[in-house]
Amino acid sequence: MRTITNSKDISPVKQNELLSLTGYIRGGCSPLGMKRKYPTFFDESAILFDAISISAGQRGLQIFANAEKLAEAIDAEFTSLTL
C-alpha cells in the first residue's frame, strides 16, 4: 500500500475523530461528499462489474454505481489492492 499512496504511515481514522474529519459517522463513510478530498483507490477488478456498491453516507444505505464513472467523479485510482 505504501507504494500506491506514497505514504509512510497508513492507519484507520480513530472513531472519535471520524465525524470531524469526514462529516460521516462510523459505518456511513463514503468517498462521495467528504469534508475534504482524500485519496481513494479501487481494486482494478472493480471495472469487471456493471456496478459496485459504496456507502451512501448513512449506515445501512448503499449506492450502486459504475466503477469507472464513480472513479471519475471522485478522482479515484484503479490499482491492484490484493496480495
N, C-alpha and C. Protein backbone atom coordinates (compact mmCIF):
# COMPACT_ATOMS: atom_id res chain seq x y z
N MET A 1 0.83 -1.19 0.00
CA MET A 1 0.00 0.00 0.00
C MET A 1 0.86 1.25 0.00
N ARG A 2 1.99 1.21 0.67
CA ARG A 2 2.86 2.39 0.70
C ARG A 2 3.27 2.82 -0.71
N THR A 3 3.55 1.84 -1.57
CA THR A 3 3.96 2.16 -2.92
C THR A 3 2.84 2.87 -3.68
N ILE A 4 1.62 2.46 -3.47
CA ILE A 4 0.48 3.04 -4.17
C ILE A 4 0.22 4.47 -3.70
N THR A 5 0.28 4.71 -2.40
CA THR A 5 -0.09 6.01 -1.85
C THR A 5 1.09 6.95 -1.65
N ASN A 6 2.30 6.43 -1.72
CA ASN A 6 3.50 7.21 -1.41
C ASN A 6 3.46 7.74 0.03
N SER A 7 2.85 6.97 0.92
CA SER A 7 2.73 7.34 2.33
C SER A 7 3.62 6.45 3.17
N LYS A 8 4.18 7.02 4.23
CA LYS A 8 4.99 6.24 5.16
C LYS A 8 4.12 5.53 6.19
N ASP A 9 2.97 6.11 6.50
CA ASP A 9 2.10 5.54 7.53
C ASP A 9 0.66 5.56 7.05
N ILE A 10 0.03 4.41 7.12
CA ILE A 10 -1.37 4.30 6.75
C ILE A 10 -2.09 3.63 7.92
N SER A 11 -3.09 4.30 8.44
CA SER A 11 -3.85 3.71 9.55
C SER A 11 -5.28 4.24 9.50
N PRO A 12 -6.22 3.48 10.07
CA PRO A 12 -7.60 3.93 10.08
C PRO A 12 -7.77 5.19 10.94
N VAL A 13 -8.75 5.99 10.60
CA VAL A 13 -9.06 7.17 11.40
C VAL A 13 -9.67 6.70 12.72
N LYS A 14 -9.29 7.32 13.81
CA LYS A 14 -9.86 6.97 15.11
C LYS A 14 -11.34 7.35 15.12
N GLN A 15 -12.16 6.49 15.72
CA GLN A 15 -13.60 6.68 15.70
C GLN A 15 -14.02 8.05 16.24
N ASN A 16 -13.35 8.54 17.28
CA ASN A 16 -13.74 9.83 17.85
C ASN A 16 -13.33 11.02 16.98
N GLU A 17 -12.54 10.79 15.93
CA GLU A 17 -12.14 11.85 15.00
C GLU A 17 -12.87 11.77 13.67
N LEU A 18 -13.58 10.68 13.45
CA LEU A 18 -14.19 10.41 12.15
C LEU A 18 -15.17 11.49 11.69
N LEU A 19 -16.10 11.86 12.53
CA LEU A 19 -17.12 12.84 12.15
C LEU A 19 -16.50 14.19 11.81
N SER A 20 -15.57 14.65 12.64
CA SER A 20 -14.98 15.97 12.38
C SER A 20 -14.10 15.98 11.13
N LEU A 21 -13.46 14.86 10.81
CA LEU A 21 -12.59 14.80 9.64
C LEU A 21 -13.36 14.58 8.34
N THR A 22 -14.39 13.74 8.40
CA THR A 22 -15.06 13.33 7.16
C THR A 22 -16.47 13.88 7.01
N GLY A 23 -17.12 14.19 8.11
CA GLY A 23 -18.52 14.57 8.06
C GLY A 23 -19.45 13.38 8.16
N TYR A 24 -18.89 12.18 8.33
CA TYR A 24 -19.68 10.96 8.40
C TYR A 24 -19.48 10.25 9.74
N ILE A 25 -20.50 9.47 10.14
CA ILE A 25 -20.39 8.64 11.34
C ILE A 25 -19.81 7.28 10.95
N ARG A 26 -19.36 6.53 11.94
CA ARG A 26 -18.83 5.18 11.70
C ARG A 26 -19.92 4.34 11.05
N GLY A 27 -19.55 3.66 10.00
CA GLY A 27 -20.49 2.82 9.27
C GLY A 27 -21.18 3.54 8.13
N GLY A 28 -20.90 4.83 7.98
CA GLY A 28 -21.54 5.58 6.91
C GLY A 28 -20.56 6.36 6.06
N CYS A 29 -19.28 6.06 6.17
CA CYS A 29 -18.27 6.80 5.40
C CYS A 29 -18.37 6.45 3.92
N SER A 30 -18.37 7.47 3.12
CA SER A 30 -18.48 7.32 1.68
C SER A 30 -17.39 8.16 1.02
N PRO A 31 -16.88 7.72 -0.12
CA PRO A 31 -15.92 8.57 -0.82
C PRO A 31 -16.59 9.79 -1.46
N LEU A 32 -17.91 9.81 -1.48
CA LEU A 32 -18.66 10.95 -2.01
C LEU A 32 -18.99 11.91 -0.87
N GLY A 33 -18.79 13.18 -1.08
CA GLY A 33 -19.23 14.18 -0.12
C GLY A 33 -18.40 14.35 1.13
N MET A 34 -17.17 13.90 1.14
CA MET A 34 -16.30 14.11 2.31
C MET A 34 -16.04 15.60 2.49
N LYS A 35 -15.72 15.99 3.73
CA LYS A 35 -15.41 17.39 4.01
C LYS A 35 -14.21 17.87 3.20
N ARG A 36 -13.26 16.99 3.01
CA ARG A 36 -12.10 17.31 2.16
C ARG A 36 -11.80 16.10 1.30
N LYS A 37 -11.03 16.31 0.26
CA LYS A 37 -10.73 15.23 -0.67
C LYS A 37 -9.63 14.33 -0.10
N TYR A 38 -9.93 13.05 -0.01
CA TYR A 38 -8.95 12.07 0.42
C TYR A 38 -8.61 11.18 -0.78
N PRO A 39 -7.39 10.70 -0.85
CA PRO A 39 -7.05 9.78 -1.94
C PRO A 39 -7.93 8.53 -1.83
N THR A 40 -8.47 8.11 -2.96
CA THR A 40 -9.33 6.94 -2.98
C THR A 40 -8.81 5.97 -4.03
N PHE A 41 -8.77 4.70 -3.66
CA PHE A 41 -8.24 3.66 -4.55
C PHE A 41 -9.25 2.53 -4.64
N PHE A 42 -9.47 2.07 -5.86
CA PHE A 42 -10.32 0.91 -6.12
C PHE A 42 -9.44 -0.21 -6.65
N ASP A 43 -9.73 -1.43 -6.24
CA ASP A 43 -9.02 -2.55 -6.84
C ASP A 43 -9.38 -2.59 -8.32
N GLU A 44 -8.40 -2.90 -9.13
CA GLU A 44 -8.60 -2.91 -10.57
C GLU A 44 -9.70 -3.87 -11.01
N SER A 45 -10.03 -4.85 -10.19
CA SER A 45 -11.10 -5.81 -10.54
C SER A 45 -12.48 -5.15 -10.54
N ALA A 46 -12.62 -3.97 -9.95
CA ALA A 46 -13.92 -3.30 -9.89
C ALA A 46 -14.47 -2.99 -11.27
N ILE A 47 -13.59 -2.81 -12.24
CA ILE A 47 -14.06 -2.47 -13.59
C ILE A 47 -14.70 -3.67 -14.30
N LEU A 48 -14.58 -4.85 -13.71
CA LEU A 48 -15.18 -6.05 -14.29
C LEU A 48 -16.68 -6.12 -14.05
N PHE A 49 -17.20 -5.30 -13.16
CA PHE A 49 -18.61 -5.35 -12.77
C PHE A 49 -19.39 -4.19 -13.38
N ASP A 50 -20.66 -4.43 -13.67
CA ASP A 50 -21.52 -3.36 -14.19
C ASP A 50 -21.67 -2.25 -13.16
N ALA A 51 -21.72 -2.63 -11.88
CA ALA A 51 -21.88 -1.65 -10.80
C ALA A 51 -21.17 -2.17 -9.55
N ILE A 52 -20.69 -1.25 -8.74
CA ILE A 52 -20.13 -1.59 -7.43
C ILE A 52 -20.94 -0.85 -6.38
N SER A 53 -20.86 -1.30 -5.16
CA SER A 53 -21.62 -0.73 -4.06
C SER A 53 -20.69 0.05 -3.13
N ILE A 54 -21.09 1.27 -2.79
CA ILE A 54 -20.36 2.06 -1.79
C ILE A 54 -21.37 2.61 -0.79
N SER A 55 -20.90 3.07 0.33
CA SER A 55 -21.78 3.66 1.32
C SER A 55 -22.44 4.91 0.75
N ALA A 56 -23.70 5.11 1.12
CA ALA A 56 -24.43 6.30 0.70
C ALA A 56 -24.35 7.40 1.74
N GLY A 57 -23.49 7.22 2.74
CA GLY A 57 -23.28 8.26 3.74
C GLY A 57 -24.09 8.07 5.02
N GLN A 58 -24.83 6.99 5.08
CA GLN A 58 -25.61 6.69 6.28
C GLN A 58 -25.58 5.19 6.48
N ARG A 59 -25.44 4.75 7.72
CA ARG A 59 -25.40 3.32 7.99
C ARG A 59 -26.58 2.61 7.35
N GLY A 60 -26.27 1.54 6.61
CA GLY A 60 -27.31 0.72 6.02
C GLY A 60 -27.78 1.16 4.64
N LEU A 61 -27.32 2.30 4.16
CA LEU A 61 -27.70 2.76 2.82
C LEU A 61 -26.52 2.63 1.88
N GLN A 62 -26.78 2.12 0.70
CA GLN A 62 -25.74 1.90 -0.29
C GLN A 62 -26.10 2.57 -1.61
N ILE A 63 -25.08 2.93 -2.36
CA ILE A 63 -25.22 3.44 -3.72
C ILE A 63 -24.56 2.43 -4.64
N PHE A 64 -25.23 2.11 -5.73
CA PHE A 64 -24.65 1.24 -6.74
C PHE A 64 -24.31 2.12 -7.94
N ALA A 65 -23.06 2.04 -8.39
CA ALA A 65 -22.62 2.91 -9.48
C ALA A 65 -21.60 2.18 -10.34
N ASN A 66 -21.48 2.62 -11.57
CA ASN A 66 -20.45 2.13 -12.47
C ASN A 66 -19.10 2.57 -11.89
N ALA A 67 -18.19 1.64 -11.74
CA ALA A 67 -16.90 1.92 -11.10
C ALA A 67 -16.10 2.99 -11.83
N GLU A 68 -16.09 2.94 -13.15
CA GLU A 68 -15.30 3.91 -13.91
C GLU A 68 -15.89 5.32 -13.79
N LYS A 69 -17.21 5.43 -13.82
CA LYS A 69 -17.84 6.74 -13.68
C LYS A 69 -17.68 7.28 -12.26
N LEU A 70 -17.78 6.39 -11.27
CA LEU A 70 -17.58 6.80 -9.89
C LEU A 70 -16.15 7.28 -9.68
N ALA A 71 -15.19 6.52 -10.19
CA ALA A 71 -13.78 6.91 -10.05
C ALA A 71 -13.53 8.27 -10.69
N GLU A 72 -14.15 8.52 -11.81
CA GLU A 72 -14.01 9.81 -12.47
C GLU A 72 -14.59 10.93 -11.61
N ALA A 73 -15.74 10.67 -11.00
CA ALA A 73 -16.42 11.69 -10.19
C ALA A 73 -15.64 12.07 -8.94
N ILE A 74 -14.93 11.10 -8.36
CA ILE A 74 -14.21 11.37 -7.10
C ILE A 74 -12.70 11.36 -7.28
N ASP A 75 -12.24 11.26 -8.51
CA ASP A 75 -10.82 11.26 -8.84
C ASP A 75 -10.09 10.10 -8.16
N ALA A 76 -10.72 8.92 -8.20
CA ALA A 76 -10.12 7.73 -7.60
C ALA A 76 -9.19 7.05 -8.61
N GLU A 77 -8.31 6.23 -8.11
CA GLU A 77 -7.36 5.49 -8.95
C GLU A 77 -7.66 4.00 -8.86
N PHE A 78 -7.51 3.31 -9.99
CA PHE A 78 -7.59 1.86 -10.03
C PHE A 78 -6.18 1.30 -9.89
N THR A 79 -6.03 0.31 -9.03
CA THR A 79 -4.73 -0.31 -8.82
C THR A 79 -4.94 -1.71 -8.26
N SER A 80 -3.90 -2.50 -8.18
CA SER A 80 -4.00 -3.82 -7.58
C SER A 80 -3.91 -3.68 -6.06
N LEU A 81 -4.98 -4.02 -5.37
CA LEU A 81 -5.00 -3.94 -3.91
C LEU A 81 -4.94 -5.31 -3.25
N THR A 82 -4.90 -6.37 -4.04
CA THR A 82 -4.88 -7.71 -3.49
C THR A 82 -3.44 -8.22 -3.39
N LEU A 83 -3.25 -9.13 -2.47
CA LEU A 83 -1.90 -9.70 -2.30
C LEU A 83 -1.70 -10.86 -3.22
